Amino acid sequence: MTQAVAKILEEAGQLSVAERADLADRIVENLSNNVPPEIAAAQIREVRRRIAQIESGEVAAIPSDDALAQIRRMLDSARPTN
């Protein structure tokens, strides 16, 4: 990690939750402007496929809180223990 990134992260840690969320959104938006067209097209196809799966009943949507909790558990279990 560069010193510039470390400084930005340190300063971001002093922001409110809402401000950090806004910053994250802006960073993601900035990154998405640089996605090659073929990758953007593949992403759109995948979103459409997943929507079709939900609409057909092939898969069931779960509440976002449940999904985030599941992701956090997976990440926690994947972290190396010291």
C-alpha atoms as a PDB file:
ATOM      1  CA  MET A   1       0.000   0.000   0.000  1.00  0.00           C
ATOM      2  CA  THR A   2       1.364   3.381  -0.922  1.00  0.00           C
ATOM      3  CA  GLN A   3       1.687   6.186   1.592  1.00  0.00           C
ATOM      4  CA  ALA A   4      -0.984   8.128  -0.298  1.00  0.00           C
ATOM      5  CA  VAL A   5      -3.470   5.279   0.038  1.00  0.00           C
ATOM      6  CA  ALA A   6      -2.603   4.791   3.703  1.00  0.00           C
ATOM      7  CA  LYS A   7      -3.178   8.497   4.357  1.00  0.00           C
ATOM      8  CA  ILE A   8      -6.521   8.441   2.538  1.00  0.00           C
ATOM      9  CA  LEU A   9      -7.615   5.371   4.517  1.00  0.00           C
ATOM     10  CA  GLU A  10      -6.592   7.015   7.772  1.00  0.00           C
ATOM     11  CA  GLU A  11      -8.546  10.155   6.923  1.00  0.00           C
ATOM     12  CA  ALA A  12     -11.526   8.127   5.689  1.00  0.00           C
ATOM     13  CA  GLY A  13     -11.635   6.408   9.078  1.00  0.00           C
ATOM     14  CA  GLN A  14     -12.462   9.773  10.635  1.00  0.00           C
ATOM     15  CA  LEU A  15     -15.534  10.282   8.436  1.00  0.00           C
ATOM     16  CA  SER A  16     -19.059   9.419   9.481  1.00  0.00           C
ATOM     17  CA  VAL A  17     -20.566   6.175   8.229  1.00  0.00           C
ATOM     18  CA  ALA A  18     -22.659   8.099   5.699  1.00  0.00           C
ATOM     19  CA  GLU A  19     -19.611   9.997   4.434  1.00  0.00           C
ATOM     20  CA  ARG A  20     -17.586   6.767   4.090  1.00  0.00           C
ATOM     21  CA  ALA A  21     -20.469   5.154   2.202  1.00  0.00           C
ATOM     22  CA  ASP A  22     -20.624   8.144  -0.137  1.00  0.00           C
ATOM     23  CA  LEU A  23     -16.865   7.970  -0.663  1.00  0.00           C
ATOM     24  CA  ALA A  24     -17.051   4.245  -1.412  1.00  0.00           C
ATOM     25  CA  ASP A  25     -19.881   4.812  -3.891  1.00  0.00           C
ATOM     26  CA  ARG A  26     -17.859   7.482  -5.667  1.00  0.00           C
ATOM     27  CA  ILE A  27     -14.781   5.262  -5.856  1.00  0.00           C
ATOM     28  CA  VAL A  28     -16.807   2.363  -7.273  1.00  0.00           C
ATOM     29  CA  GLU A  29     -18.469   4.711  -9.756  1.00  0.00           C
ATOM     30  CA  ASN A  30     -15.065   5.990 -10.814  1.00  0.00           C
ATOM     31  CA  LEU A  31     -13.788   2.440 -11.303  1.00  0.00           C
ATOM     32  CA  SER A  32     -16.867   1.461 -13.284  1.00  0.00           C
ATOM     33  CA  ASN A  33     -16.099   4.197 -15.806  1.00  0.00           C
ATOM     34  CA  ASN A  34     -12.998   2.236 -16.800  1.00  0.00           C
ATOM     35  CA  VAL A  35     -14.653  -1.154 -17.388  1.00  0.00           C
ATOM     36  CA  PRO A  36     -13.984  -2.474 -20.887  1.00  0.00           C
ATOM     37  CA  PRO A  37     -17.170  -2.810 -22.994  1.00  0.00           C
ATOM     38  CA  GLU A  38     -16.905  -6.609 -23.206  1.00  0.00           C
ATOM     39  CA  ILE A  39     -16.780  -6.911 -19.428  1.00  0.00           C
ATOM     40  CA  ALA A  40     -19.690  -4.487 -19.007  1.00  0.00           C
ATOM     41  CA  ALA A  41     -21.707  -6.560 -21.504  1.00  0.00           C
ATOM     42  CA  ALA A  42     -20.863  -9.763 -19.600  1.00  0.00           C
ATOM     43  CA  GLN A  43     -21.954  -8.128 -16.345  1.00  0.00           C
ATOM     44  CA  ILE A  44     -25.285  -7.090 -17.874  1.00  0.00           C
ATOM     45  CA  ARG A  45     -25.838 -10.638 -19.192  1.00  0.00           C
ATOM     46  CA  GLU A  46     -25.136 -12.052 -15.737  1.00  0.00           C
ATOM     47  CA  VAL A  47     -27.530  -9.622 -14.050  1.00  0.00           C
ATOM     48  CA  ARG A  48     -30.241 -10.528 -16.556  1.00  0.00           C
ATOM     49  CA  ARG A  49     -29.594 -14.250 -15.999  1.00  0.00           C
ATOM     50  CA  ARG A  50     -29.893 -13.862 -12.246  1.00  0.00           C
ATOM     51  CA  ILE A  51     -33.076 -11.804 -12.540  1.00  0.00           C
ATOM     52  CA  ALA A  52     -34.561 -14.513 -14.751  1.00  0.00           C
ATOM     53  CA  GLN A  53     -33.626 -17.168 -12.169  1.00  0.00           C
ATOM     54  CA  ILE A  54     -35.421 -15.241  -9.439  1.00  0.00           C
ATOM     55  CA  GLU A  55     -38.458 -14.501 -11.576  1.00  0.00           C
ATOM     56  CA  SER A  56     -38.763 -18.152 -12.625  1.00  0.00           C
ATOM     57  CA  GLY A  57     -38.490 -19.364  -9.031  1.00  0.00           C
ATOM     58  CA  GLU A  58     -35.305 -21.304  -9.813  1.00  0.00           C
ATOM     59  CA  VAL A  59     -33.588 -19.459  -6.968  1.00  0.00           C
ATOM     60  CA  ALA A  60     -34.959 -17.511  -4.046  1.00  0.00           C
ATOM     61  CA  ALA A  61     -33.772 -14.084  -3.019  1.00  0.00           C
ATOM     62  CA  ILE A  62     -32.690 -13.638   0.568  1.00  0.00           C
ATOM     63  CA  PRO A  63     -32.795 -10.454   2.658  1.00  0.00           C
ATOM     64  CA  SER A  64     -29.659  -8.333   2.313  1.00  0.00           C
ATOM     65  CA  ASP A  65     -28.947  -8.506   6.063  1.00  0.00           C
ATOM     66  CA  ASP A  66     -28.898 -12.310   5.848  1.00  0.00           C
ATOM     67  CA  ALA A  67     -26.673 -12.244   2.758  1.00  0.00           C
ATOM     68  CA  LEU A  68     -24.202  -9.838   4.375  1.00  0.00           C
ATOM     69  CA  ALA A  69     -24.096 -11.926   7.557  1.00  0.00           C
ATOM     70  CA  GLN A  70     -23.368 -15.022   5.486  1.00  0.00           C
ATOM     71  CA  ILE A  71     -20.593 -13.221   3.583  1.00  0.00           C
ATOM     72  CA  ARG A  72     -19.068 -11.980   6.837  1.00  0.00           C
ATOM     73  CA  ARG A  73     -19.063 -15.525   8.254  1.00  0.00           C
ATOM     74  CA  MET A  74     -17.382 -16.812   5.094  1.00  0.00           C
ATOM     75  CA  LEU A  75     -14.732 -14.092   5.230  1.00  0.00           C
ATOM     76  CA  ASP A  76     -14.114 -14.677   8.936  1.00  0.00           C
ATOM     77  CA  SER A  77     -13.635 -18.404   8.381  1.00  0.00           C
ATOM     78  CA  ALA A  78     -11.254 -17.742   5.473  1.00  0.00           C
ATOM     79  CA  ARG A  79      -8.968 -15.478   7.499  1.00  0.00           C
ATOM     80  CA  PRO A  80      -5.758 -17.131   8.639  1.00  0.00           C
ATOM     81  CA  THR A  81      -5.462 -17.649  12.367  1.00  0.00           C
ATOM     82  CA  ASN A  82      -2.270 -16.569  14.085  1.00  0.00           C
END
